[in-house]
Amino acid sequence: MHESGTVRKLLRTLEEEMKKAGGKRVKGAILKIGALSGVDTDHIISDFDALKIGTFAQGAEITIEKVQAKGECLACGNTFVPDEIFLKCNKCGSYRCNIISGNELLWNKIEVE
């Protein structure tokens, strides 16, 4: 299960951000997870709850903020919500598209003390 490794990395980032803010422990945090990130939110929460024990994050609660996938067509400039894994513009039918949101996996807000 790759979520444990992902949560370890997220905990390291959380600790770095906590130290930058001058905190000694994290009370809570909001984690943005994009629809295309490939992670299971239930596993993220359960792994975080297990891995935070005995750390600066013990007792911290995380809230998951889901981010919808969005694409932008390079052919016509249309912004759209993809309805399949392959980005295809729902206006002109072009596959020349970029993902503009939905890959996120990052801390959005951290509460420290």
N, C-alpha and C. Protein backbone atom coordinates (compact mmCIF):
# COMPACT_ATOMS: atom_id res chain seq x y z
N MET A 1 0.85 -1.18 0.00
CA MET A 1 0.00 0.00 0.00
C MET A 1 0.89 1.24 0.00
N HIS A 2 0.81 2.06 -1.02
CA HIS A 2 1.69 3.20 -1.13
C HIS A 2 1.25 4.37 -0.25
N GLU A 3 0.07 4.31 0.35
CA GLU A 3 -0.39 5.42 1.18
C GLU A 3 0.48 5.62 2.42
N SER A 4 1.04 4.54 3.00
CA SER A 4 1.90 4.70 4.17
C SER A 4 3.13 5.52 3.85
N GLY A 5 3.75 5.27 2.72
CA GLY A 5 4.90 6.06 2.29
C GLY A 5 4.51 7.49 1.99
N THR A 6 3.35 7.66 1.40
CA THR A 6 2.84 9.00 1.11
C THR A 6 2.60 9.76 2.40
N VAL A 7 2.01 9.11 3.38
CA VAL A 7 1.73 9.77 4.66
C VAL A 7 3.03 10.11 5.39
N ARG A 8 4.04 9.27 5.28
CA ARG A 8 5.34 9.60 5.90
C ARG A 8 5.90 10.89 5.29
N LYS A 9 5.81 11.01 3.98
CA LYS A 9 6.28 12.23 3.31
C LYS A 9 5.44 13.43 3.73
N LEU A 10 4.13 13.22 3.81
CA LEU A 10 3.25 14.31 4.24
C LEU A 10 3.56 14.74 5.68
N LEU A 11 3.88 13.79 6.55
CA LEU A 11 4.25 14.12 7.92
C LEU A 11 5.55 14.93 7.97
N ARG A 12 6.52 14.57 7.14
CA ARG A 12 7.77 15.34 7.09
C ARG A 12 7.51 16.78 6.65
N THR A 13 6.68 16.94 5.63
CA THR A 13 6.33 18.27 5.15
C THR A 13 5.57 19.03 6.23
N LEU A 14 4.67 18.36 6.90
CA LEU A 14 3.90 18.98 7.98
C LEU A 14 4.81 19.46 9.10
N GLU A 15 5.80 18.65 9.44
CA GLU A 15 6.75 19.04 10.48
C GLU A 15 7.58 20.25 10.05
N GLU A 16 8.02 20.28 8.82
CA GLU A 16 8.77 21.43 8.30
C GLU A 16 7.94 22.71 8.37
N GLU A 17 6.69 22.62 7.96
CA GLU A 17 5.82 23.78 7.98
C GLU A 17 5.51 24.23 9.41
N MET A 18 5.37 23.28 10.31
CA MET A 18 5.14 23.59 11.71
C MET A 18 6.32 24.37 12.29
N LYS A 19 7.53 23.91 11.98
CA LYS A 19 8.74 24.57 12.47
C LYS A 19 8.88 25.97 11.89
N LYS A 20 8.56 26.13 10.60
CA LYS A 20 8.61 27.46 9.97
C LYS A 20 7.66 28.43 10.67
N ALA A 21 6.53 27.90 11.15
CA ALA A 21 5.53 28.73 11.82
C ALA A 21 5.87 28.95 13.29
N GLY A 22 6.95 28.32 13.76
CA GLY A 22 7.36 28.49 15.15
C GLY A 22 6.58 27.64 16.13
N GLY A 23 5.91 26.63 15.66
CA GLY A 23 5.12 25.75 16.53
C GLY A 23 5.92 24.58 17.07
N LYS A 24 5.35 23.97 18.09
CA LYS A 24 5.97 22.78 18.69
C LYS A 24 5.16 21.51 18.43
N ARG A 25 3.87 21.71 18.11
CA ARG A 25 3.03 20.58 17.75
C ARG A 25 1.91 21.05 16.84
N VAL A 26 1.37 20.11 16.08
CA VAL A 26 0.27 20.40 15.16
C VAL A 26 -1.03 19.98 15.82
N LYS A 27 -1.99 20.89 15.82
CA LYS A 27 -3.31 20.60 16.38
C LYS A 27 -4.27 20.09 15.32
N GLY A 28 -4.14 20.60 14.11
CA GLY A 28 -5.03 20.21 13.03
C GLY A 28 -4.49 20.69 11.70
N ALA A 29 -5.01 20.11 10.63
CA ALA A 29 -4.56 20.48 9.30
C ALA A 29 -5.59 20.09 8.26
N ILE A 30 -5.56 20.83 7.15
CA ILE A 30 -6.42 20.51 6.01
C ILE A 30 -5.52 20.03 4.89
N LEU A 31 -5.85 18.88 4.35
CA LEU A 31 -5.09 18.27 3.27
C LEU A 31 -5.94 18.29 2.00
N LYS A 32 -5.42 18.94 0.96
CA LYS A 32 -6.10 18.97 -0.33
C LYS A 32 -5.69 17.74 -1.13
N ILE A 33 -6.69 16.98 -1.58
CA ILE A 33 -6.43 15.78 -2.37
C ILE A 33 -7.23 15.88 -3.67
N GLY A 34 -6.51 15.88 -4.78
CA GLY A 34 -7.13 15.97 -6.09
C GLY A 34 -7.72 14.66 -6.54
N ALA A 35 -8.78 14.75 -7.32
CA ALA A 35 -9.48 13.57 -7.84
C ALA A 35 -8.56 12.68 -8.69
N LEU A 36 -7.50 13.27 -9.26
CA LEU A 36 -6.58 12.52 -10.11
C LEU A 36 -5.28 12.14 -9.40
N SER A 37 -5.21 12.37 -8.09
CA SER A 37 -3.96 12.14 -7.36
C SER A 37 -3.63 10.66 -7.19
N GLY A 38 -4.62 9.81 -7.29
CA GLY A 38 -4.38 8.37 -7.18
C GLY A 38 -4.26 7.85 -5.76
N VAL A 39 -4.64 8.64 -4.77
CA VAL A 39 -4.57 8.17 -3.39
C VAL A 39 -5.98 7.93 -2.85
N ASP A 40 -6.06 7.00 -1.93
CA ASP A 40 -7.31 6.64 -1.29
C ASP A 40 -7.43 7.45 0.00
N THR A 41 -8.42 8.31 0.08
CA THR A 41 -8.54 9.20 1.24
C THR A 41 -8.75 8.44 2.55
N ASP A 42 -9.48 7.35 2.52
CA ASP A 42 -9.69 6.56 3.74
C ASP A 42 -8.37 6.00 4.26
N HIS A 43 -7.52 5.52 3.35
CA HIS A 43 -6.22 5.00 3.76
C HIS A 43 -5.31 6.13 4.26
N ILE A 44 -5.38 7.29 3.64
CA ILE A 44 -4.58 8.43 4.10
C ILE A 44 -4.93 8.75 5.54
N ILE A 45 -6.22 8.82 5.84
CA ILE A 45 -6.66 9.16 7.20
C ILE A 45 -6.24 8.09 8.20
N SER A 46 -6.46 6.82 7.87
CA SER A 46 -6.12 5.75 8.82
C SER A 46 -4.60 5.65 9.01
N ASP A 47 -3.82 5.81 7.94
CA ASP A 47 -2.36 5.77 8.07
C ASP A 47 -1.86 6.97 8.86
N PHE A 48 -2.45 8.15 8.63
CA PHE A 48 -2.06 9.33 9.39
C PHE A 48 -2.34 9.11 10.87
N ASP A 49 -3.51 8.57 11.20
CA ASP A 49 -3.86 8.31 12.60
C ASP A 49 -2.89 7.34 13.26
N ALA A 50 -2.40 6.36 12.51
CA ALA A 50 -1.45 5.39 13.05
C ALA A 50 -0.04 5.97 13.16
N LEU A 51 0.39 6.70 12.14
CA LEU A 51 1.77 7.19 12.09
C LEU A 51 2.02 8.44 12.93
N LYS A 52 0.98 9.14 13.34
CA LYS A 52 1.16 10.36 14.14
C LYS A 52 1.43 10.08 15.61
N ILE A 53 1.16 8.85 16.05
CA ILE A 53 1.33 8.49 17.46
C ILE A 53 2.79 8.65 17.87
N GLY A 54 3.00 9.39 18.97
CA GLY A 54 4.34 9.61 19.48
C GLY A 54 5.12 10.68 18.74
N THR A 55 4.44 11.45 17.88
CA THR A 55 5.12 12.50 17.11
C THR A 55 4.54 13.86 17.47
N PHE A 56 5.07 14.87 16.83
CA PHE A 56 4.59 16.25 16.97
C PHE A 56 3.13 16.40 16.56
N ALA A 57 2.60 15.40 15.84
CA ALA A 57 1.22 15.47 15.33
C ALA A 57 0.25 14.62 16.14
N GLN A 58 0.72 14.02 17.22
CA GLN A 58 -0.18 13.19 18.03
C GLN A 58 -1.34 14.06 18.52
N GLY A 59 -2.53 13.58 18.34
CA GLY A 59 -3.72 14.32 18.73
C GLY A 59 -4.26 15.23 17.64
N ALA A 60 -3.49 15.43 16.58
CA ALA A 60 -3.93 16.30 15.48
C ALA A 60 -5.02 15.62 14.67
N GLU A 61 -5.95 16.42 14.20
CA GLU A 61 -7.00 15.93 13.32
C GLU A 61 -6.77 16.52 11.94
N ILE A 62 -6.91 15.68 10.92
CA ILE A 62 -6.80 16.21 9.57
C ILE A 62 -8.18 16.19 8.91
N THR A 63 -8.39 17.19 8.11
CA THR A 63 -9.60 17.30 7.31
C THR A 63 -9.19 17.18 5.85
N ILE A 64 -9.93 16.39 5.10
CA ILE A 64 -9.63 16.21 3.68
C ILE A 64 -10.51 17.16 2.87
N GLU A 65 -9.86 17.91 1.99
CA GLU A 65 -10.57 18.80 1.06
C GLU A 65 -10.35 18.22 -0.33
N LYS A 66 -11.41 17.71 -0.93
CA LYS A 66 -11.29 17.10 -2.26
C LYS A 66 -11.32 18.17 -3.35
N VAL A 67 -10.43 18.00 -4.32
CA VAL A 67 -10.32 18.95 -5.43
C VAL A 67 -10.76 18.26 -6.71
N GLN A 68 -11.72 18.86 -7.36
CA GLN A 68 -12.26 18.31 -8.60
C GLN A 68 -11.23 18.45 -9.74
N ALA A 69 -11.22 17.49 -10.62
CA ALA A 69 -10.34 17.55 -11.79
C ALA A 69 -10.89 18.57 -12.78
N LYS A 70 -9.97 19.34 -13.36
CA LYS A 70 -10.33 20.30 -14.40
C LYS A 70 -9.26 20.26 -15.47
N GLY A 71 -9.70 20.44 -16.70
CA GLY A 71 -8.78 20.49 -17.82
C GLY A 71 -8.96 21.77 -18.60
N GLU A 72 -7.94 22.07 -19.41
CA GLU A 72 -8.00 23.24 -20.28
C GLU A 72 -7.59 22.79 -21.68
N CYS A 73 -8.41 23.10 -22.64
CA CYS A 73 -8.15 22.73 -24.03
C CYS A 73 -7.14 23.70 -24.65
N LEU A 74 -6.08 23.16 -25.22
CA LEU A 74 -5.08 23.99 -25.88
C LEU A 74 -5.53 24.43 -27.27
N ALA A 75 -6.52 23.75 -27.81
CA ALA A 75 -7.02 24.08 -29.15
C ALA A 75 -8.01 25.24 -29.13
N CYS A 76 -8.94 25.22 -28.17
CA CYS A 76 -9.99 26.25 -28.18
C CYS A 76 -10.04 27.09 -26.89
N GLY A 77 -9.25 26.72 -25.88
CA GLY A 77 -9.22 27.49 -24.64
C GLY A 77 -10.31 27.16 -23.65
N ASN A 78 -11.16 26.21 -23.95
CA ASN A 78 -12.25 25.81 -23.07
C ASN A 78 -11.71 25.20 -21.77
N THR A 79 -12.31 25.57 -20.64
CA THR A 79 -12.01 24.93 -19.36
C THR A 79 -13.17 23.99 -19.05
N PHE A 80 -12.85 22.75 -18.63
CA PHE A 80 -13.89 21.74 -18.48
C PHE A 80 -13.54 20.74 -17.39
N VAL A 81 -14.57 20.03 -16.94
CA VAL A 81 -14.40 18.92 -16.00
C VAL A 81 -14.39 17.65 -16.85
N PRO A 82 -13.27 16.91 -16.82
CA PRO A 82 -13.20 15.70 -17.65
C PRO A 82 -14.16 14.63 -17.13
N ASP A 83 -14.75 13.90 -18.06
CA ASP A 83 -15.66 12.83 -17.66
C ASP A 83 -15.07 11.44 -17.92
N GLU A 84 -13.78 11.43 -18.21
CA GLU A 84 -13.06 10.17 -18.41
C GLU A 84 -11.59 10.41 -18.08
N ILE A 85 -10.83 9.34 -18.02
CA ILE A 85 -9.42 9.46 -17.65
C ILE A 85 -8.60 10.21 -18.70
N PHE A 86 -8.98 10.10 -19.97
CA PHE A 86 -8.28 10.82 -21.02
C PHE A 86 -8.92 12.20 -21.16
N LEU A 87 -8.09 13.22 -21.13
CA LEU A 87 -8.63 14.57 -21.25
C LEU A 87 -9.07 14.82 -22.69
N LYS A 88 -10.34 15.06 -22.84
CA LYS A 88 -10.90 15.38 -24.16
C LYS A 88 -11.83 16.57 -23.96
N CYS A 89 -11.60 17.61 -24.71
CA CYS A 89 -12.42 18.82 -24.61
C CYS A 89 -13.87 18.49 -24.94
N ASN A 90 -14.76 18.91 -24.05
CA ASN A 90 -16.19 18.66 -24.29
C ASN A 90 -16.81 19.70 -25.24
N LYS A 91 -16.00 20.65 -25.68
CA LYS A 91 -16.50 21.68 -26.60
C LYS A 91 -16.10 21.38 -28.05
N CYS A 92 -14.78 21.14 -28.27
CA CYS A 92 -14.31 20.94 -29.65
C CYS A 92 -13.85 19.51 -29.93
N GLY A 93 -13.73 18.68 -28.88
CA GLY A 93 -13.35 17.28 -29.07
C GLY A 93 -11.85 17.03 -29.12
N SER A 94 -11.04 18.07 -28.95
CA SER A 94 -9.58 17.92 -29.01
C SER A 94 -9.05 17.18 -27.79
N TYR A 95 -7.99 16.40 -28.02
CA TYR A 95 -7.28 15.74 -26.92
C TYR A 95 -6.05 16.56 -26.50
N ARG A 96 -5.83 17.69 -27.13
CA ARG A 96 -4.70 18.57 -26.77
C ARG A 96 -5.11 19.41 -25.56
N CYS A 97 -4.99 18.81 -24.40
CA CYS A 97 -5.48 19.43 -23.17
C CYS A 97 -4.46 19.28 -22.05
N ASN A 98 -4.51 20.20 -21.13
CA ASN A 98 -3.69 20.15 -19.91
C ASN A 98 -4.60 20.00 -18.70
N ILE A 99 -4.07 19.32 -17.69
CA ILE A 99 -4.76 19.25 -16.41
C ILE A 99 -4.43 20.54 -15.67
N ILE A 100 -5.46 21.25 -15.19
CA ILE A 100 -5.20 22.48 -14.43
C ILE A 100 -5.54 22.32 -12.95
N SER A 101 -6.25 21.27 -12.58
CA SER A 101 -6.45 20.92 -11.18
C SER A 101 -6.88 19.47 -11.08
N GLY A 102 -6.64 18.90 -9.91
CA GLY A 102 -7.02 17.52 -9.67
C GLY A 102 -5.86 16.62 -9.32
N ASN A 103 -4.62 17.11 -9.45
CA ASN A 103 -3.44 16.32 -9.08
C ASN A 103 -2.93 16.64 -7.67
N GLU A 104 -3.60 17.56 -6.98
CA GLU A 104 -3.11 18.05 -5.70
C GLU A 104 -3.00 16.97 -4.64
N LEU A 105 -1.97 17.10 -3.84
CA LEU A 105 -1.80 16.35 -2.60
C LEU A 105 -0.89 17.23 -1.74
N LEU A 106 -1.52 18.16 -1.03
CA LEU A 106 -0.73 19.14 -0.29
C LEU A 106 -1.50 19.68 0.92
N TRP A 107 -0.72 20.17 1.87
CA TRP A 107 -1.31 20.79 3.05
C TRP A 107 -1.82 22.16 2.67
N ASN A 108 -3.08 22.42 2.99
CA ASN A 108 -3.69 23.70 2.65
C ASN A 108 -3.66 24.66 3.85
N LYS A 109 -3.85 24.12 5.03
CA LYS A 109 -3.86 24.94 6.24
C LYS A 109 -3.39 24.09 7.40
N ILE A 110 -2.57 24.69 8.26
CA ILE A 110 -2.03 23.97 9.42
C ILE A 110 -2.24 24.81 10.66
N GLU A 111 -2.78 24.19 11.70
CA GLU A 111 -2.97 24.86 12.99
C GLU A 111 -1.92 24.31 13.96
N VAL A 112 -1.07 25.21 14.47
CA VAL A 112 0.01 24.79 15.38
C VAL A 112 -0.13 25.48 16.73
N GLU A 113 0.57 24.92 17.69
CA GLU A 113 0.68 25.60 18.99
C GLU A 113 2.10 25.51 19.47
